[in-house]
Amino acid sequence: MSYPGIHAATNPDKTAVVMARTGESLSYQELEDRSCRFAQMMREAGLRPGDHIAIFADNHIRYFEAYWAAMRSGLYFTTVNRFLTAEEAAYIVEDCGAQVLVASTAVRDVAIEMLPLIPNCPVRLMFGETIEGFESFEATVEQYQAEPLEEQPRGSLMLYSSGTTGKPKGIKRPLDGSEISDPDLIGAGLVGGIFGMGAESVYLSPAPLYHSAPLGFTTGTQSVGGTVVVLEKFDPHEALQAIETHGVTHSQWVPTMFTRMLKLSEDDRNEHDLSTHKVAIHAAAPCPVEVKKQMLEWWGPILHEYYAGTELNGFCYVGPDEWITHPGTVGKPLIGTLHICDEDGTELPTGESGLIYFEREEQTFEYHQAPDKTRSSQHPDNPLWTTLGDVGRVDEDGFLYLTDRKAFMIISGGVNIYPQEIEDCLILHPEVSDVAVFGVPNEDFGEEVKAVVQPLEGVNGDDQLAKRLTEFAREHIAGYKVPRSIDFMEELPRLPTGKLYKRLLRDAYWGVDGGSDAAASPIQQITDS
């Protein structure tokens, strides 16, 4: 069980994917035929194993046709964040060396702007319509036979880091020489092995498909023959409705989604039948302990958490029962051996915080065309130990706890302060919708703690709210961690994947404005950008 062709042969009419809002769906036979046609088209266009294709689209049903066509052709498949500017998106398309770009109508204006910036990408297709510079995806692909290629080597994802701390990096893993019909790590190992998914599973994906986890788990579900339900855009009401309507058994979330659902009224939270829902997976960002406890009270012991990066240099997992006895942990390693080290690479004792390294038996990834970045991810003395820049600690039972990103640690008067702990505190305040904490310049201490808060809808972000939040923080965290000042924004620059563009916030306060008006306030600079 590893790709749609197997399931098309045994259960051709079964739904492989359905869009929650529109109801549009594809059967396994349709997915098989359409991915075959696209694979044939790319083969005729000259693409061979190891070449690259990029997709720039919203959550669209044809995403899966493009993905499986690439996977059964031995190609690298690169997704582009649909919210990027033309310049940012074109950088990824050119950097990955894509010979084919598939876009959707939802990003048509940006796609048109990209055209002069992607001279090395000769084939450009668009879902839904034909515009200048792009051919119709459907009309083009329809001309080809719905037959598998004579040889079908398995391709691979080559996704880019979100760029929250700098220029995005292409994360490239070597092609392993397997065939599309062979079992794969995501489908057979993670989706089927750890989370128990199979042909009877119905998986809800409420996040953008351009992100590694939603794409990996949706296609992993299809590899084991389950049904995927895709939310076009996350909405807390629609997510709960989708669980009831489609009989969802498995799902995956990020903590900001939990927060938004928890802030629904009691009536809204309880109006849907969630009895089919057996496994709720979450990852991508640290989940505040109290938020997870509230979700466990609401949904029961069905929350499963993992910690891993797109690099897949390691993988930690914790089920609900173990988490309850070790609150705050992101689990024990199932892939790789954990090491916690200081800045010099010296391994630290149990309980001390430091850089998180995973040790593997061989090098599992590199950053595309960036050997310096690849080397910077490796331990000073052992290149088989790699880090993603996260800081954490391991307890006496071997469970990992995340502290924060190294890049956002605040050093105030020589004291290390981790923003995550402060954010976890403030997000629990009933008037807070979202929050970001980081360091800003302080003449005496080097840095001081700043919070930027997105108030709940209908709440005024004013001095009175700042005072209430400061008092709330003093009740729950040490005085030196309490924000010295609080600003307010209508909406924080957070990716739909749950990650904050914290660099954008922080840089504005440090005068790294990329040409913005220096006289404008930091918040105004961000709002205007």
Protein backbone atom coordinates (compact mmCIF):
# COMPACT_ATOMS: atom_id res chain seq x y z
CA MET A 1 0.00 0.00 0.00
CA SER A 2 1.95 2.99 -1.15
CA TYR A 3 0.31 4.96 -3.97
CA PRO A 4 -3.12 5.59 -5.57
CA GLY A 5 -2.64 3.07 -8.39
CA ILE A 6 -2.85 0.13 -5.99
CA HIS A 7 -6.13 1.39 -4.52
CA ALA A 8 -7.55 2.30 -7.94
CA ALA A 9 -7.08 -1.35 -8.93
CA THR A 10 -8.96 -2.69 -5.89
CA ASN A 11 -11.46 0.07 -5.03
CA PRO A 12 -11.59 2.52 -7.96
CA ASP A 13 -14.69 4.48 -6.89
CA LYS A 14 -13.55 5.15 -3.34
CA THR A 15 -13.04 8.84 -2.53
CA ALA A 16 -9.37 9.74 -2.34
CA VAL A 17 -9.93 13.42 -1.51
CA VAL A 18 -12.87 15.76 -0.94
CA MET A 19 -12.83 19.53 -0.45
CA ALA A 20 -14.80 20.43 2.68
CA ARG A 21 -16.34 23.69 1.50
CA THR A 22 -17.21 22.91 -2.13
CA GLY A 23 -17.68 19.15 -1.92
CA GLU A 24 -15.52 18.61 -5.01
CA SER A 25 -13.90 15.18 -4.90
CA LEU A 26 -11.64 12.72 -6.71
CA SER A 27 -11.96 8.96 -6.65
CA TYR A 28 -8.86 6.81 -6.55
CA GLN A 29 -9.35 5.94 -10.21
CA GLU A 30 -9.61 9.61 -11.16
CA LEU A 31 -6.53 10.47 -9.12
CA GLU A 32 -4.62 7.60 -10.71
CA ASP A 33 -5.63 8.52 -14.27
CA ARG A 34 -4.96 12.24 -13.93
CA SER A 35 -1.60 11.81 -12.25
CA CYS A 36 -0.62 9.36 -15.01
CA ARG A 37 -1.58 11.87 -17.70
CA PHE A 38 0.47 14.61 -16.07
CA ALA A 39 3.43 12.26 -15.65
CA GLN A 40 3.26 11.43 -19.36
CA MET A 41 3.13 15.14 -20.21
CA MET A 42 6.21 15.94 -18.13
CA ARG A 43 8.06 12.98 -19.60
CA GLU A 44 7.39 14.28 -23.11
CA ALA A 45 8.52 17.77 -21.99
CA GLY A 46 11.92 16.24 -21.22
CA LEU A 47 11.83 15.90 -17.43
CA ARG A 48 13.77 12.96 -16.05
CA PRO A 49 14.34 11.54 -12.54
CA GLY A 50 16.06 14.12 -10.36
CA ASP A 51 14.50 17.10 -12.17
CA HIS A 52 12.22 19.58 -10.41
CA ILE A 53 8.60 20.76 -10.53
CA ALA A 54 7.09 23.57 -8.43
CA ILE A 55 3.51 24.30 -7.43
CA PHE A 56 2.17 27.71 -6.36
CA ALA A 57 -1.47 27.32 -5.33
CA ASP A 58 -4.12 27.55 -2.68
CA ASN A 59 -5.66 24.40 -1.17
CA HIS A 60 -6.83 23.02 -4.51
CA ILE A 61 -7.92 19.49 -5.36
CA ARG A 62 -5.48 19.31 -8.28
CA TYR A 63 -2.59 19.63 -5.83
CA PHE A 64 -2.78 15.86 -5.45
CA GLU A 65 -2.71 15.19 -9.18
CA ALA A 66 0.51 17.20 -9.46
CA TYR A 67 2.07 15.60 -6.38
CA TRP A 68 1.46 12.00 -7.45
CA ALA A 69 2.58 12.73 -11.01
CA ALA A 70 5.90 13.97 -9.65
CA MET A 71 6.26 11.08 -7.21
CA ARG A 72 5.70 8.46 -9.91
CA SER A 73 8.20 10.17 -12.22
CA GLY A 74 11.20 10.35 -9.88
CA LEU A 75 10.96 14.15 -9.67
CA TYR A 76 11.55 16.62 -6.86
CA PHE A 77 8.31 18.38 -5.91
CA THR A 78 8.61 21.89 -4.45
CA THR A 79 5.64 23.71 -2.92
CA VAL A 80 5.57 27.52 -2.81
CA ASN A 81 3.79 29.37 -0.01
CA ARG A 82 0.74 30.88 -1.71
CA PHE A 83 1.04 34.09 0.34
CA LEU A 84 4.50 35.05 -0.95
CA THR A 85 5.15 38.06 -3.13
CA ALA A 86 6.14 37.59 -6.77
CA GLU A 87 9.78 38.19 -5.93
CA GLU A 88 9.77 35.72 -3.03
CA ALA A 89 7.93 33.02 -4.97
CA ALA A 90 10.11 33.47 -8.06
CA TYR A 91 13.24 33.08 -5.92
CA ILE A 92 12.11 29.59 -4.88
CA VAL A 93 11.09 28.55 -8.40
CA GLU A 94 14.44 29.65 -9.80
CA ASP A 95 16.52 28.38 -6.89
CA CYS A 96 15.04 24.87 -7.03
CA GLY A 97 15.54 24.74 -10.79
CA ALA A 98 11.91 23.95 -11.60
CA GLN A 99 11.27 23.10 -15.23
CA VAL A 100 7.51 23.07 -14.64
CA LEU A 101 5.46 25.55 -12.59
CA VAL A 102 1.85 24.76 -11.76
CA ALA A 103 -0.23 27.64 -10.35
CA SER A 104 -3.87 28.18 -9.40
CA THR A 105 -6.34 30.93 -10.21
CA ALA A 106 -6.21 32.11 -6.59
CA VAL A 107 -2.63 33.38 -7.13
CA ARG A 108 -3.04 34.49 -10.76
CA ASP A 109 -2.03 38.13 -10.20
CA VAL A 110 1.18 37.22 -8.40
CA ALA A 111 1.86 34.45 -10.95
CA ILE A 112 1.69 37.00 -13.77
CA GLU A 113 4.16 39.25 -11.93
CA MET A 114 6.51 36.28 -11.59
CA LEU A 115 6.84 35.65 -15.32
CA PRO A 116 9.84 37.89 -16.05
CA LEU A 117 11.52 36.58 -12.88
CA ILE A 118 11.45 32.87 -13.83
CA PRO A 119 13.17 32.74 -17.24
CA ASN A 120 14.54 29.26 -16.62
CA CYS A 121 11.14 27.61 -16.08
CA PRO A 122 9.79 26.85 -19.57
CA VAL A 123 6.54 25.02 -18.76
CA ARG A 124 3.87 27.04 -16.93
CA LEU A 125 0.41 25.65 -16.28
CA MET A 126 -2.59 27.03 -14.38
CA PHE A 127 -5.53 25.29 -12.78
CA GLY A 128 -8.93 26.50 -13.83
CA GLU A 129 -8.18 29.07 -16.50
CA THR A 130 -5.74 30.16 -19.16
CA ILE A 131 -3.94 33.49 -18.78
CA GLU A 132 -1.09 35.10 -20.65
CA GLY A 133 2.10 33.19 -19.97
CA PHE A 134 0.30 30.10 -18.62
CA GLU A 135 -1.38 27.20 -20.39
CA SER A 136 -4.48 25.48 -19.03
CA PHE A 137 -3.44 22.62 -16.77
CA GLU A 138 -6.57 20.61 -17.47
CA ALA A 139 -6.57 21.07 -21.26
CA THR A 140 -2.85 20.35 -21.55
CA VAL A 141 -2.85 17.23 -19.40
CA GLU A 142 -6.04 15.83 -20.98
CA GLN A 143 -4.17 15.27 -24.26
CA TYR A 144 -2.05 12.46 -22.77
CA GLN A 145 -2.76 8.81 -22.12
CA ALA A 146 -3.85 7.73 -18.65
CA GLU A 147 -1.15 5.08 -18.60
CA PRO A 148 1.69 4.67 -16.10
CA LEU A 149 5.21 5.37 -17.30
CA GLU A 150 7.20 2.26 -18.18
CA GLU A 151 9.42 2.94 -15.18
CA GLN A 152 8.14 4.70 -12.05
CA PRO A 153 10.99 5.63 -9.68
CA ARG A 154 9.82 7.36 -6.53
CA GLY A 155 10.36 11.09 -6.40
CA SER A 156 10.77 13.24 -3.30
CA LEU A 157 9.72 16.53 -1.77
CA MET A 158 12.16 19.42 -1.80
CA LEU A 159 10.46 21.99 0.39
CA TYR A 160 11.77 25.34 1.56
CA SER A 161 12.08 26.59 5.10
CA SER A 162 9.51 29.26 5.91
CA GLY A 163 12.10 32.01 5.98
CA THR A 164 11.10 33.26 9.44
CA THR A 165 14.77 33.76 10.30
CA GLY A 166 16.22 34.60 6.87
CA LYS A 167 16.20 33.58 3.21
CA PRO A 168 14.33 30.29 2.69
CA LYS A 169 16.49 27.20 2.21
CA GLY A 170 15.66 24.24 -0.02
CA ILE A 171 15.70 21.04 2.05
CA LYS A 172 16.92 18.29 -0.23
CA ARG A 173 17.05 14.58 0.53
CA PRO A 174 18.68 12.15 -1.91
CA LEU A 175 16.43 9.99 -4.07
CA ASP A 176 16.59 6.52 -2.55
CA GLY A 177 16.23 4.46 -5.72
CA SER A 178 12.89 2.94 -4.69
CA GLU A 179 9.86 2.48 -6.93
CA ILE A 180 6.53 4.23 -6.42
CA SER A 181 5.00 0.87 -5.43
CA ASP A 182 7.48 0.35 -2.58
CA PRO A 183 6.46 1.24 1.01
CA ASP A 184 7.52 4.74 2.03
CA LEU A 185 8.45 6.28 5.38
CA ILE A 186 5.50 8.70 5.67
CA GLY A 187 2.76 6.31 4.58
CA ALA A 188 3.91 2.97 5.95
CA GLY A 189 6.07 4.27 8.81
CA LEU A 190 4.38 7.33 10.28
CA VAL A 191 0.79 7.50 9.04
CA GLY A 192 0.16 3.77 9.14
CA GLY A 193 2.64 2.67 11.78
CA ILE A 194 2.55 5.33 14.49
CA PHE A 195 -0.91 6.82 14.02
CA GLY A 196 -2.73 3.65 12.96
CA MET A 197 -4.27 4.91 9.76
CA GLY A 198 -5.52 2.60 7.04
CA ALA A 199 -8.07 2.23 4.27
CA GLU A 200 -11.02 2.98 6.61
CA SER A 201 -9.50 6.21 7.95
CA VAL A 202 -10.85 9.65 7.14
CA TYR A 203 -8.21 12.33 7.64
CA LEU A 204 -9.01 16.04 8.06
CA SER A 205 -6.37 18.55 6.98
CA PRO A 206 -7.24 22.12 8.05
CA ALA A 207 -3.86 23.65 7.13
CA PRO A 208 -2.24 24.82 3.87
CA LEU A 209 -1.01 22.03 1.60
CA TYR A 210 2.20 23.90 0.78
CA HIS A 211 3.47 23.06 4.28
CA SER A 212 5.33 19.79 4.79
CA ALA A 213 3.10 18.19 7.45
CA PRO A 214 -0.29 18.71 5.74
CA LEU A 215 1.11 17.59 2.40
CA GLY A 216 2.94 14.63 3.92
CA PHE A 217 -0.01 13.38 5.97
CA THR A 218 -2.67 13.89 3.28
CA THR A 219 -0.65 12.02 0.68
CA GLY A 220 0.38 9.49 3.33
CA THR A 221 -3.33 8.87 3.95
CA GLN A 222 -3.80 8.26 0.23
CA SER A 223 -0.85 5.90 0.18
CA VAL A 224 -2.66 3.64 2.67
CA GLY A 225 -6.01 3.99 0.90
CA GLY A 226 -7.85 6.34 3.27
CA THR A 227 -9.97 9.39 2.45
CA VAL A 228 -8.63 12.93 2.79
CA VAL A 229 -10.87 15.88 3.71
CA VAL A 230 -9.26 19.26 2.96
CA LEU A 231 -10.40 22.57 4.44
CA GLU A 232 -9.86 25.26 1.84
CA LYS A 233 -9.04 27.64 4.70
CA PHE A 234 -9.06 27.08 8.44
CA ASP A 235 -12.17 28.23 10.24
CA PRO A 236 -12.94 26.87 13.73
CA HIS A 237 -16.66 26.36 12.99
CA GLU A 238 -16.03 24.71 9.61
CA ALA A 239 -13.37 22.44 11.08
CA LEU A 240 -15.76 21.07 13.70
CA GLN A 241 -18.51 20.76 11.11
CA ALA A 242 -16.20 18.82 8.79
CA ILE A 243 -15.46 16.26 11.53
CA GLU A 244 -19.18 15.60 11.93
CA THR A 245 -20.14 15.72 8.24
CA HIS A 246 -17.40 13.42 6.96
CA GLY A 247 -17.02 11.11 9.95
CA VAL A 248 -13.41 12.18 10.42
CA THR A 249 -11.29 9.66 12.34
CA HIS A 250 -7.87 11.38 12.22
CA SER A 251 -6.78 15.02 11.98
CA GLN A 252 -3.77 17.28 12.38
CA TRP A 253 -3.57 20.77 13.89
CA VAL A 254 -1.28 23.55 15.05
CA PRO A 255 -1.68 25.14 18.49
CA THR A 256 -3.11 28.42 17.17
CA MET A 257 -6.04 26.41 15.81
CA PHE A 258 -6.62 24.92 19.26
CA THR A 259 -6.60 28.41 20.75
CA ARG A 260 -9.18 29.68 18.25
CA MET A 261 -11.47 26.71 18.79
CA LEU A 262 -11.21 27.00 22.58
CA LYS A 263 -12.32 30.63 22.38
CA LEU A 264 -15.58 29.65 20.69
CA SER A 265 -18.63 29.85 22.92
CA GLU A 266 -19.62 26.76 24.88
CA ASP A 267 -22.66 26.30 22.62
CA ASP A 268 -20.58 26.52 19.44
CA ARG A 269 -18.04 24.04 20.77
CA ASN A 270 -20.65 21.47 21.74
CA GLU A 271 -23.09 21.61 18.84
CA HIS A 272 -21.19 19.08 16.66
CA ASP A 273 -20.97 15.30 16.98
CA LEU A 274 -17.25 14.50 17.21
CA SER A 275 -17.66 10.85 18.22
CA THR A 276 -15.88 9.46 15.14
CA HIS A 277 -12.76 11.48 15.96
CA LYS A 278 -10.17 9.08 17.42
CA VAL A 279 -6.73 10.64 16.79
CA ALA A 280 -5.90 14.37 16.75
CA ILE A 281 -2.27 14.99 15.85
CA HIS A 282 -0.49 18.27 16.47
CA ALA A 283 2.97 19.67 15.75
CA ALA A 284 4.70 22.56 13.89
CA ALA A 285 4.83 24.90 16.92
CA PRO A 286 5.06 24.42 20.71
CA CYS A 287 1.66 24.03 22.38
CA PRO A 288 1.14 25.83 25.70
CA VAL A 289 0.56 23.27 28.44
CA GLU A 290 -2.71 24.81 29.62
CA VAL A 291 -4.07 24.97 26.06
CA LYS A 292 -3.37 21.27 25.58
CA LYS A 293 -4.93 20.42 28.94
CA GLN A 294 -8.11 22.25 27.90
CA MET A 295 -8.17 20.37 24.58
CA LEU A 296 -7.79 17.05 26.42
CA GLU A 297 -10.70 17.98 28.67
CA TRP A 298 -12.82 18.79 25.62
CA TRP A 299 -11.82 16.05 23.15
CA GLY A 300 -10.61 13.41 25.56
CA PRO A 301 -7.28 11.53 25.47
CA ILE A 302 -6.94 11.54 21.67
CA LEU A 303 -4.18 14.16 21.27
CA HIS A 304 -0.93 12.84 19.80
CA GLU A 305 2.08 15.12 19.44
CA TYR A 306 5.30 14.91 17.49
CA TYR A 307 8.38 17.07 17.03
CA ALA A 308 10.22 17.01 13.71
CA GLY A 309 11.37 19.34 10.98
CA THR A 310 10.96 19.17 7.23
CA GLU A 311 14.57 17.99 7.26
CA LEU A 312 13.37 14.84 9.08
CA ASN A 313 16.76 14.60 10.78
CA GLY A 314 14.91 13.18 13.78
CA PHE A 315 11.40 12.48 15.04
CA CYS A 316 9.99 12.58 18.58
CA TYR A 317 6.52 11.38 19.52
CA VAL A 318 4.31 11.36 22.60
CA GLY A 319 0.82 9.89 23.01
CA PRO A 320 -1.87 11.33 25.30
CA ASP A 321 -1.23 9.06 28.28
CA GLU A 322 2.51 9.73 28.43
CA TRP A 323 1.96 13.46 27.93
CA ILE A 324 -0.43 13.58 30.89
CA THR A 325 2.33 12.19 33.12
CA HIS A 326 4.97 14.42 31.45
CA PRO A 327 3.07 17.64 30.66
CA GLY A 328 4.85 19.90 28.20
CA THR A 329 6.97 17.22 26.55
CA VAL A 330 7.11 16.77 22.77
CA GLY A 331 8.05 13.13 23.24
CA LYS A 332 10.87 10.63 22.94
CA PRO A 333 12.87 10.05 19.75
CA LEU A 334 11.60 7.38 17.38
CA ILE A 335 14.06 8.43 14.68
CA GLY A 336 17.57 9.53 15.66
CA THR A 337 19.40 9.79 18.97
CA LEU A 338 18.98 13.00 20.99
CA HIS A 339 21.88 15.14 22.18
CA ILE A 340 21.60 18.47 24.03
CA CYS A 341 24.72 20.63 23.59
CA ASP A 342 26.01 24.06 24.48
CA GLU A 343 27.27 26.66 21.98
CA ASP A 344 30.63 24.91 21.71
CA GLY A 345 29.09 21.52 21.02
CA THR A 346 29.73 20.09 24.49
CA GLU A 347 26.98 17.69 25.54
CA LEU A 348 25.02 18.92 28.57
CA PRO A 349 23.73 16.96 31.57
CA THR A 350 20.11 15.82 31.90
CA GLY A 351 17.79 18.73 32.64
CA GLU A 352 19.96 21.50 31.19
CA SER A 353 18.78 23.47 28.16
CA GLY A 354 20.84 23.66 25.00
CA LEU A 355 20.77 23.15 21.24
CA ILE A 356 18.87 20.03 20.17
CA TYR A 357 20.86 17.67 17.95
CA PHE A 358 19.71 14.41 16.40
CA GLU A 359 22.29 11.77 15.58
CA ARG A 360 21.68 9.59 12.52
CA GLU A 361 23.75 6.83 10.92
CA GLU A 362 24.06 8.76 7.68
CA GLN A 363 23.52 12.28 6.40
CA THR A 364 19.82 12.57 5.61
CA PHE A 365 19.55 16.01 4.00
CA GLU A 366 21.40 19.01 2.63
CA TYR A 367 20.38 22.59 1.96
CA HIS A 368 20.13 23.01 -1.79
CA GLN A 369 23.06 24.95 -3.27
CA ALA A 370 24.01 26.16 0.22
CA PRO A 371 26.87 24.06 1.62
CA ASP A 372 27.62 26.69 4.26
CA LYS A 373 24.08 26.42 5.61
CA THR A 374 24.31 22.64 5.54
CA ARG A 375 27.53 22.76 7.53
CA SER A 376 26.10 25.26 10.04
CA SER A 377 23.34 22.75 10.87
CA GLN A 378 25.92 20.13 11.84
CA HIS A 379 27.65 19.59 15.15
CA PRO A 380 31.16 21.15 15.25
CA ASP A 381 32.79 17.74 15.65
CA ASN A 382 30.31 15.31 14.08
CA PRO A 383 28.44 16.04 10.83
CA LEU A 384 25.99 13.20 11.54
CA TRP A 385 24.61 15.21 14.48
CA THR A 386 22.34 17.95 13.08
CA THR A 387 20.26 20.74 14.59
CA LEU A 388 17.37 22.87 13.37
CA GLY A 389 18.26 25.66 15.79
CA ASP A 390 15.76 24.71 18.49
CA VAL A 391 16.65 24.84 22.18
CA GLY A 392 15.39 22.24 24.63
CA ARG A 393 16.12 19.88 27.50
CA VAL A 394 15.66 16.19 28.25
CA ASP A 395 14.30 14.91 31.56
CA GLU A 396 15.45 11.86 33.50
CA ASP A 397 12.93 9.66 31.63
CA GLY A 398 14.28 10.70 28.23
CA PHE A 399 11.42 13.04 27.24
CA LEU A 400 12.27 16.16 25.26
CA TYR A 401 10.93 19.62 26.17
CA LEU A 402 11.27 22.57 23.82
CA THR A 403 12.49 25.84 25.27
CA ASP A 404 12.53 28.11 22.21
CA ARG A 405 14.34 28.94 19.01
CA LYS A 406 17.96 29.89 19.55
CA ALA A 407 17.52 32.87 17.22
CA PHE A 408 14.84 34.45 19.45
CA MET A 409 16.38 33.96 22.86
CA ILE A 410 16.50 37.26 24.77
CA ILE A 411 19.67 38.08 26.69
CA SER A 412 18.88 40.80 29.23
CA GLY A 413 21.63 41.80 31.64
CA GLY A 414 23.33 38.47 30.97
CA VAL A 415 20.21 36.45 31.77
CA ASN A 416 18.74 34.14 29.13
CA ILE A 417 14.98 34.61 28.68
CA TYR A 418 12.96 32.37 26.37
CA PRO A 419 9.97 34.08 24.70
CA GLN A 420 7.93 30.89 24.40
CA GLU A 421 7.29 30.70 28.15
CA ILE A 422 5.97 34.28 28.17
CA GLU A 423 3.84 33.71 25.07
CA ASP A 424 2.38 30.58 26.64
CA CYS A 425 1.36 32.68 29.64
CA LEU A 426 -0.21 35.62 27.80
CA ILE A 427 -2.17 33.53 25.28
CA LEU A 428 -4.25 32.20 28.18
CA HIS A 429 -5.62 35.66 28.95
CA PRO A 430 -9.25 35.80 27.80
CA GLU A 431 -8.72 39.07 25.88
CA VAL A 432 -5.74 37.83 23.83
CA SER A 433 -6.13 36.27 20.39
CA ASP A 434 -2.42 35.98 19.53
CA VAL A 435 0.91 37.14 20.94
CA ALA A 436 4.57 37.43 20.00
CA VAL A 437 7.39 38.09 22.47
CA PHE A 438 10.95 39.07 21.57
CA GLY A 439 13.83 41.25 22.70
CA VAL A 440 14.19 44.95 21.89
CA PRO A 441 17.14 47.26 22.56
CA ASN A 442 17.77 48.44 26.12
CA GLU A 443 20.66 50.81 26.84
CA ASP A 444 21.44 49.34 30.26
CA PHE A 445 20.68 45.64 29.80
CA GLY A 446 21.26 45.13 26.08
CA GLU A 447 17.75 43.77 25.55
CA GLU A 448 14.41 43.94 27.28
CA VAL A 449 11.22 41.91 26.85
CA LYS A 450 8.64 43.25 24.39
CA ALA A 451 5.21 41.74 23.72
CA VAL A 452 3.10 42.46 20.67
CA VAL A 453 -0.50 41.36 21.20
CA GLN A 454 -3.41 40.76 18.84
CA PRO A 455 -6.47 41.43 21.02
CA LEU A 456 -9.57 39.28 20.75
CA GLU A 457 -12.12 40.69 18.32
CA GLY A 458 -14.04 43.53 19.95
CA VAL A 459 -11.33 44.23 22.57
CA ASN A 460 -9.51 47.57 22.49
CA GLY A 461 -5.73 47.42 22.45
CA ASP A 462 -5.06 50.31 24.82
CA ASP A 463 -3.16 51.23 27.97
CA GLN A 464 -5.83 49.64 30.16
CA LEU A 465 -5.46 46.29 28.38
CA ALA A 466 -1.67 46.55 28.60
CA LYS A 467 -1.98 47.07 32.34
CA ARG A 468 -4.30 44.08 32.73
CA LEU A 469 -1.93 41.87 30.74
CA THR A 470 1.09 42.99 32.74
CA GLU A 471 -0.69 42.23 36.01
CA PHE A 472 -1.76 38.84 34.63
CA ALA A 473 1.83 38.03 33.66
CA ARG A 474 3.16 38.98 37.10
CA GLU A 475 0.79 36.45 38.65
CA HIS A 476 2.16 33.58 36.54
CA ILE A 477 5.82 34.19 35.65
CA ALA A 478 8.92 35.64 37.28
CA GLY A 479 9.22 39.42 37.35
CA TYR A 480 12.26 39.59 35.07
CA LYS A 481 10.26 37.78 32.34
CA VAL A 482 7.28 40.16 32.44
CA PRO A 483 7.19 42.36 29.30
CA ARG A 484 8.52 45.84 29.95
CA SER A 485 6.15 47.14 27.26
CA ILE A 486 3.23 45.86 25.22
CA ASP A 487 2.15 46.98 21.75
CA PHE A 488 -0.96 45.96 19.86
CA MET A 489 -1.61 44.86 16.28
CA GLU A 490 -4.87 44.07 14.53
CA GLU A 491 -3.32 40.86 13.19
CA LEU A 492 0.11 39.37 13.77
CA PRO A 493 2.13 38.26 10.73
CA ARG A 494 1.58 34.56 11.31
CA LEU A 495 1.73 31.92 8.60
CA PRO A 496 -1.35 29.71 8.23
CA THR A 497 0.98 26.87 9.25
CA GLY A 498 1.12 28.38 12.73
CA LYS A 499 4.58 29.93 12.47
CA LEU A 500 5.11 33.58 13.24
CA TYR A 501 7.13 35.87 11.02
CA LYS A 502 8.74 36.97 14.27
CA ARG A 503 11.82 38.20 12.44
CA LEU A 504 9.61 40.79 10.72
CA LEU A 505 8.38 42.05 14.08
CA ARG A 506 11.75 41.99 15.78
CA ASP A 507 13.64 43.63 12.90
CA ALA A 508 11.31 46.62 12.92
CA TYR A 509 12.27 47.39 16.52
CA TRP A 510 15.96 46.93 15.82
CA GLY A 511 15.91 49.28 12.83
CA VAL A 512 16.25 46.54 10.20
CA ASP A 513 13.41 47.91 8.07
CA GLY A 514 14.43 47.03 4.53
CA GLY A 515 13.94 50.59 3.39
CA SER A 516 10.84 51.45 5.42
CA ASP A 517 10.28 54.99 6.67
CA ALA A 518 12.50 55.25 9.75
CA ALA A 519 10.17 57.84 11.22
CA ALA A 520 7.23 55.44 11.27
CA SER A 521 6.53 53.35 14.36
CA PRO A 522 7.65 49.70 14.16
CA ILE A 523 4.03 48.52 14.22
CA GLN A 524 3.08 50.96 11.45
CA GLN A 525 6.02 49.80 9.34
CA ILE A 526 4.85 46.20 9.59
CA THR A 527 1.22 47.12 8.93
CA ASP A 528 2.19 49.08 5.84
CA SER A 529 4.52 46.42 4.43
